[in-house]
């Protein structure tokens, strides 16, 4: 049985018992029969104790009743004469007083036994005592106020117990669990909600649906992909080049809060690289010719869970000048010195039958050319397949321009070829690879 219900039942029984006790005491006879002397019962004086309590005094005061205790004696309005006093105490030969109401009571009691008026156990004494009490006993008890006071005390006790027993936060508070609990009348039992939420329906309930969310503790780190390098359009330095690094991540819980990118050069300890923002997923990095580098990345979610480092491939940037033996030419190509070119010179061709190609094991390829106002267009072929056509014409001469790049997902042997297609000269400066 519910503890609150048990307390309410006990308190209700207590209130009913108090009211019943009040009624029993109020209606209890003074004596069992007219011939039997008065004996004190178990409840004698109980009402006086209740009437003299502070609670009853306050109850009378609030209800507008007289605050004088009903049991208090009230002085007679008319003093008794000497004859009346003598008569009441049973002195012989005392004439009957003129107080008819009193005489009627006493004469009836003394007719059979005129000398018994002074006997405390006699009917005359009891009658005299009763008449005296009736005469000088004041107004009757305010039983209604008394009974209401008893009920008020009982209800106060009931309210106090209910407050003490009531759980903190109310009886509708539910502890957080691992699922949502939904109660709604008329819904389909065991209805499933989306995600990890389970709907549990109580068909007999008519209460307003209540939902108590439960948040599962997130202890899983984010998922991160390895950083990938690739060439992009730029002006290539005399001994450096740049690659674009990119990565991605995801977190099914709280979401990614930050990434940490690190680099190791030629096997040295990893160093952290500052990102533009905590959650940036790309960065441009300079590379030095012939220096092997490797990047790694990890992520931290918003609850502090950290993923393991994910490593990208180690690679080495290399450049092949137009004069390198690794570059194969076909057709007419002319060498021209230029201080703006990477190696101090570049080669040009304009015939559509001219070819310049390089075959290497690499992950990335790039073509570096010179753009001029009289330059034409060229086709770029990768592994025997036309990849794109580029226009090398420019309003002014610009050197060391990376005009084409290609990234491969795996390290392998690939052939890159450039073919002039007319419209002007095609100036080849160098080929770049990452292997």
Protein backbone atom coordinates (compact mmCIF):
# COMPACT_ATOMS: atom_id res chain seq x y z
CA UNK A 1 0.00 0.00 0.00
CA UNK A 2 1.18 3.52 -0.78
CA UNK A 3 2.73 5.17 2.28
CA UNK A 4 0.86 8.47 1.75
CA UNK A 5 -2.49 6.65 1.52
CA UNK A 6 -1.74 4.74 4.72
CA UNK A 7 -0.94 7.96 6.55
CA UNK A 8 -4.18 9.58 5.33
CA UNK A 9 -6.23 6.57 6.50
CA UNK A 10 -4.59 6.58 9.94
CA UNK A 11 -5.15 10.33 10.33
CA UNK A 12 -8.79 10.04 9.25
CA UNK A 13 -9.39 7.27 11.80
CA UNK A 14 -7.77 9.46 14.46
CA UNK A 15 -10.06 12.39 13.62
CA UNK A 16 -13.16 10.18 13.70
CA UNK A 17 -12.00 8.73 17.01
CA UNK A 18 -11.55 12.18 18.53
CA UNK A 19 -15.01 13.26 17.42
CA UNK A 20 -16.53 10.02 18.74
CA UNK A 21 -14.75 10.50 22.06
CA UNK A 22 -16.16 14.03 22.26
CA UNK A 23 -19.68 12.79 21.67
CA UNK A 24 -19.29 10.00 24.24
CA UNK A 25 -18.01 12.32 26.94
CA UNK A 26 -20.61 14.95 26.18
CA UNK A 27 -23.55 12.55 26.50
CA UNK A 28 -22.23 10.45 29.41
CA UNK A 29 -24.73 10.36 32.33
CA UNK A 30 -23.74 11.82 35.69
CA UNK A 31 -24.98 8.72 37.57
CA UNK A 32 -26.10 5.30 36.45
CA UNK A 33 -29.52 5.56 38.23
CA UNK A 34 -31.21 7.96 40.66
CA UNK A 35 -30.42 5.80 43.68
CA UNK A 36 -26.76 5.27 42.95
CA UNK A 37 -24.13 7.72 44.15
CA UNK A 38 -22.07 9.56 41.54
CA UNK A 39 -18.85 7.85 40.52
CA UNK A 40 -16.10 9.46 38.45
CA UNK A 41 -15.88 7.90 35.03
CA UNK A 42 -12.77 7.52 32.88
CA UNK A 43 -13.63 10.66 30.89
CA UNK A 44 -14.40 12.97 33.83
CA UNK A 45 -12.35 16.12 33.43
CA UNK A 46 -11.39 15.42 29.82
CA UNK A 47 -13.57 18.18 28.50
CA UNK A 48 -12.21 20.62 31.06
CA UNK A 49 -8.69 19.87 29.86
CA UNK A 50 -9.71 20.41 26.24
CA UNK A 51 -11.71 23.54 27.09
CA UNK A 52 -8.76 25.00 28.99
CA UNK A 53 -6.28 24.33 26.15
CA UNK A 54 -4.67 27.08 24.11
CA UNK A 55 -6.08 25.54 20.93
CA UNK A 56 -9.67 25.83 22.14
CA UNK A 57 -9.06 29.37 23.32
CA UNK A 58 -7.85 30.30 19.82
CA UNK A 59 -10.77 28.41 18.21
CA UNK A 60 -13.29 30.34 20.33
CA UNK A 61 -11.54 33.60 19.62
CA UNK A 62 -11.58 33.01 15.83
CA UNK A 63 -15.20 31.85 15.87
CA UNK A 64 -16.39 34.80 17.93
CA UNK A 65 -17.36 32.66 20.91
CA UNK A 66 -16.81 33.81 24.50
CA UNK A 67 -13.26 33.05 25.51
CA UNK A 68 -14.20 32.44 29.16
CA UNK A 69 -13.97 28.74 29.90
CA UNK A 70 -17.51 27.26 30.10
CA UNK A 71 -16.56 25.29 33.18
CA UNK A 72 -15.90 28.43 35.18
CA UNK A 73 -18.56 29.14 37.80
CA UNK A 74 -20.54 32.35 37.58
CA UNK A 75 -21.50 34.14 40.73
CA UNK A 76 -25.27 34.20 41.46
CA UNK A 77 -26.97 37.38 40.46
CA UNK A 78 -28.95 37.46 43.79
CA UNK A 79 -27.25 36.59 47.10
CA UNK A 80 -28.86 33.78 49.10
CA UNK A 81 -30.68 34.71 52.27
CA UNK A 82 -29.94 33.09 55.62
CA UNK A 83 -33.13 31.03 55.40
CA UNK A 84 -32.19 29.78 51.93
CA UNK A 85 -28.73 28.80 53.09
CA UNK A 86 -30.15 27.03 56.14
CA UNK A 87 -32.72 25.32 53.98
CA UNK A 88 -30.12 24.15 51.47
CA UNK A 89 -27.91 22.64 54.14
CA UNK A 90 -30.88 20.82 55.74
CA UNK A 91 -31.36 22.66 59.06
CA UNK A 92 -34.49 21.41 60.80
CA UNK A 93 -37.56 23.64 61.29
CA UNK A 94 -36.38 26.11 58.65
CA UNK A 95 -39.33 27.44 56.70
CA UNK A 96 -39.52 26.79 53.03
CA UNK A 97 -37.86 29.65 51.11
CA UNK A 98 -39.82 31.69 48.65
CA UNK A 99 -37.58 30.44 45.75
CA UNK A 100 -40.12 28.09 44.21
CA UNK A 101 -37.83 26.64 41.55
CA UNK A 102 -35.23 25.70 44.11
CA UNK A 103 -37.82 24.58 46.68
CA UNK A 104 -39.49 22.36 44.16
CA UNK A 105 -36.31 20.50 43.53
CA UNK A 106 -35.30 20.20 47.16
CA UNK A 107 -38.71 19.48 48.63
CA UNK A 108 -39.15 16.61 46.24
CA UNK A 109 -35.84 15.21 47.35
CA UNK A 110 -36.45 15.69 51.11
CA UNK A 111 -40.03 14.59 51.34
CA UNK A 112 -39.07 11.00 51.98
CA UNK A 113 -36.05 11.79 54.11
CA UNK A 114 -36.11 15.31 55.59
CA UNK A 115 -32.85 14.71 57.44
CA UNK A 116 -30.94 13.45 54.46
CA UNK A 117 -30.29 16.81 52.85
CA UNK A 118 -26.92 17.09 54.46
CA UNK A 119 -25.94 13.55 53.55
CA UNK A 120 -23.53 13.75 50.60
CA UNK A 121 -24.87 10.48 49.24
CA UNK A 122 -28.56 11.25 49.63
CA UNK A 123 -30.95 12.14 46.87
CA UNK A 124 -31.60 15.46 48.59
CA UNK A 125 -27.93 16.36 48.52
CA UNK A 126 -27.64 15.27 44.91
CA UNK A 127 -30.71 17.21 44.02
CA UNK A 128 -29.45 20.20 45.88
CA UNK A 129 -26.09 19.92 44.22
CA UNK A 130 -27.74 19.59 40.83
CA UNK A 131 -29.98 22.53 41.46
CA UNK A 132 -27.08 24.62 42.69
CA UNK A 133 -25.07 23.77 39.63
CA UNK A 134 -28.05 24.56 37.47
CA UNK A 135 -28.57 27.80 39.27
CA UNK A 136 -25.03 29.00 39.38
CA UNK A 137 -23.30 26.94 36.73
CA UNK A 138 -23.47 29.56 34.01
CA UNK A 139 -24.22 28.94 30.30
CA UNK A 140 -23.84 25.39 28.87
CA UNK A 141 -20.65 24.33 27.08
CA UNK A 142 -20.33 25.34 23.49
CA UNK A 143 -20.26 21.79 22.28
CA UNK A 144 -20.19 22.73 18.60
CA UNK A 145 -17.07 24.86 19.11
CA UNK A 146 -15.50 22.12 21.18
CA UNK A 147 -16.16 19.42 18.59
CA UNK A 148 -14.97 21.72 15.77
CA UNK A 149 -11.80 22.41 17.74
CA UNK A 150 -11.13 18.70 18.13
CA UNK A 151 -11.66 18.16 14.42
CA UNK A 152 -9.43 21.16 13.69
CA UNK A 153 -6.63 19.70 15.79
CA UNK A 154 -6.98 16.36 14.01
CA UNK A 155 -6.91 17.98 10.57
CA UNK A 156 -3.87 20.03 11.56
CA UNK A 157 -2.08 16.83 12.57
CA UNK A 158 -3.14 15.26 9.26
CA UNK A 159 -1.79 18.20 7.25
CA UNK A 160 1.49 18.23 9.16
CA UNK A 161 2.02 14.51 8.60
CA UNK A 162 1.17 14.85 4.90
CA UNK A 163 3.72 17.66 4.50
CA UNK A 164 6.42 15.64 6.25
CA UNK A 165 5.71 12.50 4.23
CA UNK A 166 5.41 14.26 0.84
CA UNK A 167 8.60 13.58 -1.22
CA UNK A 168 10.84 16.50 -2.13
CA UNK A 169 9.82 18.01 -5.47
CA UNK A 170 6.33 16.49 -5.49
CA UNK A 171 4.98 13.04 -6.19
CA UNK A 172 5.27 13.47 -9.97
CA UNK A 173 9.06 13.64 -10.01
CA UNK A 174 10.57 10.62 -11.67
CA UNK A 175 14.22 9.58 -11.57
CA UNK A 176 16.12 9.91 -14.81
CA UNK A 177 16.51 6.64 -16.65
CA UNK A 178 18.01 5.50 -19.90
CA UNK A 179 14.82 6.11 -21.95
CA UNK A 180 11.93 8.51 -22.23
CA UNK A 181 8.76 7.29 -20.54
CA UNK A 182 5.57 8.58 -22.13
CA UNK A 183 2.08 7.96 -20.69
CA UNK A 184 -0.99 8.96 -22.64
CA UNK A 185 -4.53 7.61 -22.74
CA UNK A 186 -5.70 6.20 -26.05
CA UNK A 187 -2.28 5.70 -27.60
CA UNK A 188 -1.04 2.43 -29.00
CA UNK A 189 0.83 0.39 -26.38
CA UNK A 190 4.54 -0.14 -26.83
CA UNK A 191 4.75 2.48 -29.56
CA UNK A 192 8.33 3.05 -30.69
CA UNK A 193 9.66 6.54 -31.12
CA UNK A 194 12.52 7.60 -33.37
CA UNK A 195 16.11 7.29 -32.22
CA UNK A 196 16.79 5.69 -28.87
CA UNK A 197 13.50 6.83 -27.29
CA UNK A 198 10.95 4.22 -26.26
CA UNK A 199 7.30 5.16 -25.79
CA UNK A 200 5.60 3.21 -22.97
CA UNK A 201 1.86 3.88 -22.91
CA UNK A 202 -0.50 3.31 -20.01
CA UNK A 203 -3.96 2.83 -21.60
CA UNK A 204 -5.73 3.32 -18.26
CA UNK A 205 -4.10 6.66 -17.61
CA UNK A 206 -5.96 9.90 -18.22
CA UNK A 207 -3.22 12.13 -16.91
CA UNK A 208 -1.38 14.63 -19.03
CA UNK A 209 1.49 12.91 -20.89
CA UNK A 210 4.76 13.31 -19.03
CA UNK A 211 8.19 12.96 -20.58
CA UNK A 212 11.31 12.50 -18.49
CA UNK A 213 14.43 12.81 -20.63
CA UNK A 214 17.44 10.68 -19.89
CA UNK A 215 20.84 11.72 -21.15
CA UNK A 216 23.21 8.82 -21.76
CA UNK A 217 26.82 9.48 -20.82
CA UNK A 218 28.98 10.09 -23.90
CA UNK A 219 32.27 8.25 -23.58
CA UNK A 220 33.10 7.64 -27.27
CA UNK A 221 35.65 9.77 -29.08
CA UNK A 222 35.03 11.33 -32.51
CA UNK A 223 35.79 9.69 -35.86
CA UNK A 224 38.46 11.43 -37.96
CA UNK A 225 39.81 10.85 -41.49
CA UNK A 226 43.53 11.08 -42.29
CA UNK A 227 44.86 14.37 -43.71
CA UNK A 228 45.28 14.30 -47.49
CA UNK A 229 47.67 16.53 -49.44
CA UNK A 230 47.17 17.93 -52.95
CA UNK A 231 48.71 20.63 -55.15
CA UNK A 232 46.74 23.79 -55.96
CA UNK A 233 47.20 26.94 -58.10
CA UNK A 234 50.12 29.08 -56.85
CA UNK A 235 53.37 30.77 -57.70
CA UNK A 236 56.00 28.15 -56.94
CA UNK A 237 59.04 29.19 -54.89
CA UNK A 238 62.59 28.62 -55.97
CA UNK A 239 63.04 25.80 -53.43
CA UNK A 240 59.56 25.40 -51.89
CA UNK A 241 56.07 24.52 -52.98
CA UNK A 242 52.73 24.35 -51.20
CA UNK A 243 50.15 21.64 -50.73
CA UNK A 244 46.59 21.83 -49.49
CA UNK A 245 45.87 19.53 -46.52
CA UNK A 246 42.28 18.51 -45.77
CA UNK A 247 40.54 16.12 -43.36
CA UNK A 248 37.11 15.51 -41.88
CA UNK A 249 35.54 14.27 -38.67
CA UNK A 250 32.23 13.38 -37.07
CA UNK A 251 30.86 12.76 -33.59
CA UNK A 252 27.50 11.14 -32.92
CA UNK A 253 27.31 12.50 -29.38
CA UNK A 254 28.03 16.08 -28.42
CA UNK A 255 29.84 17.13 -31.61
CA UNK A 256 33.45 18.00 -32.35
CA UNK A 257 34.96 20.84 -30.31
CA UNK A 258 38.45 21.01 -31.85
CA UNK A 259 41.08 19.33 -34.04
CA UNK A 260 44.79 18.96 -33.42
CA UNK A 261 47.07 18.74 -36.49
CA UNK A 262 50.71 17.74 -36.11
CA UNK A 263 53.61 17.29 -38.53
CA UNK A 264 56.87 15.36 -38.47
CA UNK A 265 59.73 16.23 -40.86
CA UNK A 266 62.31 13.59 -41.81
CA UNK A 267 61.29 11.44 -38.80
CA UNK A 268 61.59 14.20 -36.16
CA UNK A 269 59.12 14.44 -33.22
CA UNK A 270 55.64 15.66 -34.11
CA UNK A 271 54.89 19.34 -33.67
CA UNK A 272 51.44 20.91 -33.39
CA UNK A 273 50.36 23.24 -36.19
CA UNK A 274 48.09 26.19 -35.38
CA UNK A 275 44.78 26.12 -37.28
CA UNK A 276 42.70 29.10 -38.38
CA UNK A 277 39.90 27.97 -36.05
CA UNK A 278 39.51 25.11 -33.58
CA UNK A 279 37.28 23.20 -36.01
CA UNK A 280 39.05 24.02 -39.30
CA UNK A 281 39.24 21.04 -41.66
CA UNK A 282 41.94 22.29 -44.06
CA UNK A 283 45.18 24.25 -44.21
CA UNK A 284 47.79 25.21 -46.82
CA UNK A 285 51.30 24.02 -45.93
CA UNK A 286 54.69 24.90 -47.48
CA UNK A 287 56.99 22.02 -48.40
CA UNK A 288 60.73 22.02 -48.91
CA UNK A 289 62.15 20.12 -51.87
CA UNK A 290 63.39 16.67 -50.87
CA UNK A 291 62.16 16.85 -47.22
CA UNK A 292 59.89 13.97 -46.24
CA UNK A 293 56.90 14.96 -44.13
CA UNK A 294 54.00 13.18 -42.48
CA UNK A 295 50.88 14.65 -40.89
CA UNK A 296 48.52 13.29 -38.26
CA UNK A 297 45.22 14.55 -36.88
CA UNK A 298 42.96 13.92 -33.89
CA UNK A 299 39.72 15.44 -32.59
CA UNK A 300 38.12 16.23 -29.23
CA UNK A 301 34.36 16.36 -28.76
CA UNK A 302 32.41 18.78 -26.54
CA UNK A 303 32.39 16.32 -23.64
CA UNK A 304 36.17 16.00 -23.62
CA UNK A 305 36.44 12.63 -25.39
CA UNK A 306 39.58 12.52 -27.54
CA UNK A 307 40.06 10.33 -30.60
CA UNK A 308 43.26 8.51 -31.44
CA UNK A 309 45.64 10.11 -33.93
CA UNK A 310 44.97 9.27 -37.55
CA UNK A 311 48.07 9.36 -39.79
CA UNK A 312 48.35 10.51 -43.36
CA UNK A 313 50.93 9.05 -45.74
CA UNK A 314 54.55 10.15 -45.61
CA UNK A 315 55.56 11.93 -48.84
CA UNK A 316 58.45 13.86 -50.33
CA UNK A 317 58.06 16.82 -52.72
CA UNK A 318 60.35 16.77 -55.77
CA UNK A 319 60.68 19.09 -58.79
CA UNK A 320 61.97 18.20 -62.25
CA UNK A 321 63.24 21.15 -64.24
CA UNK A 322 62.57 21.34 -68.00
CA UNK A 323 66.23 20.38 -68.48
CA UNK A 324 65.93 17.16 -66.44
CA UNK A 325 66.63 13.86 -68.16
CA UNK A 326 63.39 12.56 -66.63
CA UNK A 327 61.42 14.79 -69.05
CA UNK A 328 60.83 13.29 -72.50
CA UNK A 329 60.33 15.63 -75.51
CA UNK A 330 58.94 15.01 -78.94
CA UNK A 331 58.77 17.55 -81.74
CA UNK A 332 60.35 21.00 -81.77
CA UNK A 333 61.02 22.51 -78.30
CA UNK A 334 63.25 25.54 -77.87
CA UNK A 335 65.16 26.42 -74.68
CA UNK A 336 65.10 30.05 -73.59
CA UNK A 337 66.97 31.51 -70.64
CA UNK A 338 64.92 33.50 -68.17
CA UNK A 339 65.78 34.74 -64.71
CA UNK A 340 62.13 34.48 -63.75
CA UNK A 341 61.94 30.74 -64.45
CA UNK A 342 62.61 28.19 -61.68
CA UNK A 343 65.86 26.86 -63.10
CA UNK A 344 66.84 30.04 -64.96
CA UNK A 345 65.29 28.82 -68.24
CA UNK A 346 62.17 27.39 -69.83
CA UNK A 347 61.27 25.58 -73.05
CA UNK A 348 58.58 26.49 -75.50
CA UNK A 349 56.78 24.88 -78.48
CA UNK A 350 53.88 25.86 -80.66
CA UNK A 351 53.47 22.87 -83.02
CA UNK A 352 50.53 20.56 -82.31
CA UNK A 353 52.81 17.57 -82.80
CA UNK A 354 55.12 18.60 -79.99
CA UNK A 355 55.01 16.60 -76.72
CA UNK A 356 56.64 16.86 -73.29
CA UNK A 357 56.01 14.08 -70.73
CA UNK A 358 57.24 12.57 -67.44
CA UNK A 359 56.57 9.19 -65.86
CA UNK A 360 57.08 8.73 -62.12
CA UNK A 361 55.79 6.81 -59.10
CA UNK A 362 53.87 9.47 -57.23
CA UNK A 363 50.68 10.46 -55.43
CA UNK A 364 50.59 13.99 -56.83
CA UNK A 365 51.56 15.59 -60.17
CA UNK A 366 51.71 19.24 -61.22
CA UNK A 367 52.75 21.33 -64.24
CA UNK A 368 54.61 24.66 -63.85
CA UNK A 369 54.53 27.04 -66.83
CA UNK A 370 55.14 30.65 -67.85
CA UNK A 371 52.18 32.76 -68.92
CA UNK A 372 52.66 35.51 -71.50
CA UNK A 373 50.47 37.71 -73.72
CA UNK A 374 51.45 35.60 -76.78
CA UNK A 375 50.95 32.18 -75.14
CA UNK A 376 48.53 29.64 -76.59
CA UNK A 377 46.60 26.66 -75.22
CA UNK A 378 47.63 23.12 -74.34
CA UNK A 379 46.09 19.79 -73.51
CA UNK A 380 47.03 17.82 -70.40
CA UNK A 381 46.93 14.05 -70.66
CA UNK A 382 47.14 11.73 -67.63
CA UNK A 383 47.93 8.06 -68.18
CA UNK A 384 46.95 8.40 -71.87
CA UNK A 385 43.60 10.07 -71.13
CA UNK A 386 42.82 13.74 -71.84
CA UNK A 387 42.36 15.39 -68.47
CA UNK A 388 41.82 19.06 -69.42
CA UNK A 389 42.74 21.92 -71.79
CA UNK A 390 44.42 24.97 -70.30
CA UNK A 391 44.84 28.51 -71.65
CA UNK A 392 48.25 29.96 -70.88
CA UNK A 393 47.59 33.44 -72.24
CA UNK A 394 47.98 36.29 -69.71
CA UNK A 395 47.87 40.14 -69.98
CA UNK A 396 51.41 40.26 -68.60
CA UNK A 397 54.22 37.77 -68.26
CA UNK A 398 54.04 35.73 -65.03
CA UNK A 399 56.58 33.07 -64.13
CA UNK A 400 56.49 29.84 -62.14
CA UNK A 401 52.72 29.39 -62.33
CA UNK A 402 51.27 26.02 -61.25
CA UNK A 403 48.69 25.55 -64.02
CA UNK A 404 47.58 21.93 -63.50
CA UNK A 405 47.60 19.31 -60.70
CA UNK A 406 46.31 15.81 -60.14
CA UNK A 407 46.08 13.77 -56.88
CA UNK A 408 45.94 9.96 -56.74
CA UNK A 409 44.46 8.08 -53.81
CA UNK A 410 47.32 5.58 -53.78
CA UNK A 411 50.98 5.71 -54.60
CA UNK A 412 51.61 4.41 -58.11
CA UNK A 413 53.34 4.96 -61.46
CA UNK A 414 51.67 7.62 -63.62
CA UNK A 415 52.45 9.47 -66.85
CA UNK A 416 51.77 13.19 -67.27
CA UNK A 417 52.00 14.79 -70.77
CA UNK A 418 51.53 18.32 -72.15
CA UNK A 419 50.58 18.96 -75.83
CA UNK A 420 50.44 22.41 -77.52
CA UNK A 421 47.28 22.83 -79.63
CA UNK A 422 47.98 26.21 -81.29
CA UNK A 423 47.23 29.84 -80.68
CA UNK A 424 50.71 30.68 -79.46
CA UNK A 425 53.70 29.36 -77.57
CA UNK A 426 53.49 26.93 -74.64
CA UNK A 427 56.29 27.61 -72.12
CA UNK A 428 57.13 24.60 -69.93
CA UNK A 429 59.07 25.45 -66.74
CA UNK A 430 58.99 22.26 -64.60
CA UNK A 431 57.09 19.22 -63.33
CA UNK A 432 56.32 18.73 -59.60
CA UNK A 433 55.53 15.48 -57.85
CA UNK A 434 54.91 14.18 -54.30
CA UNK A 435 56.11 10.63 -53.91
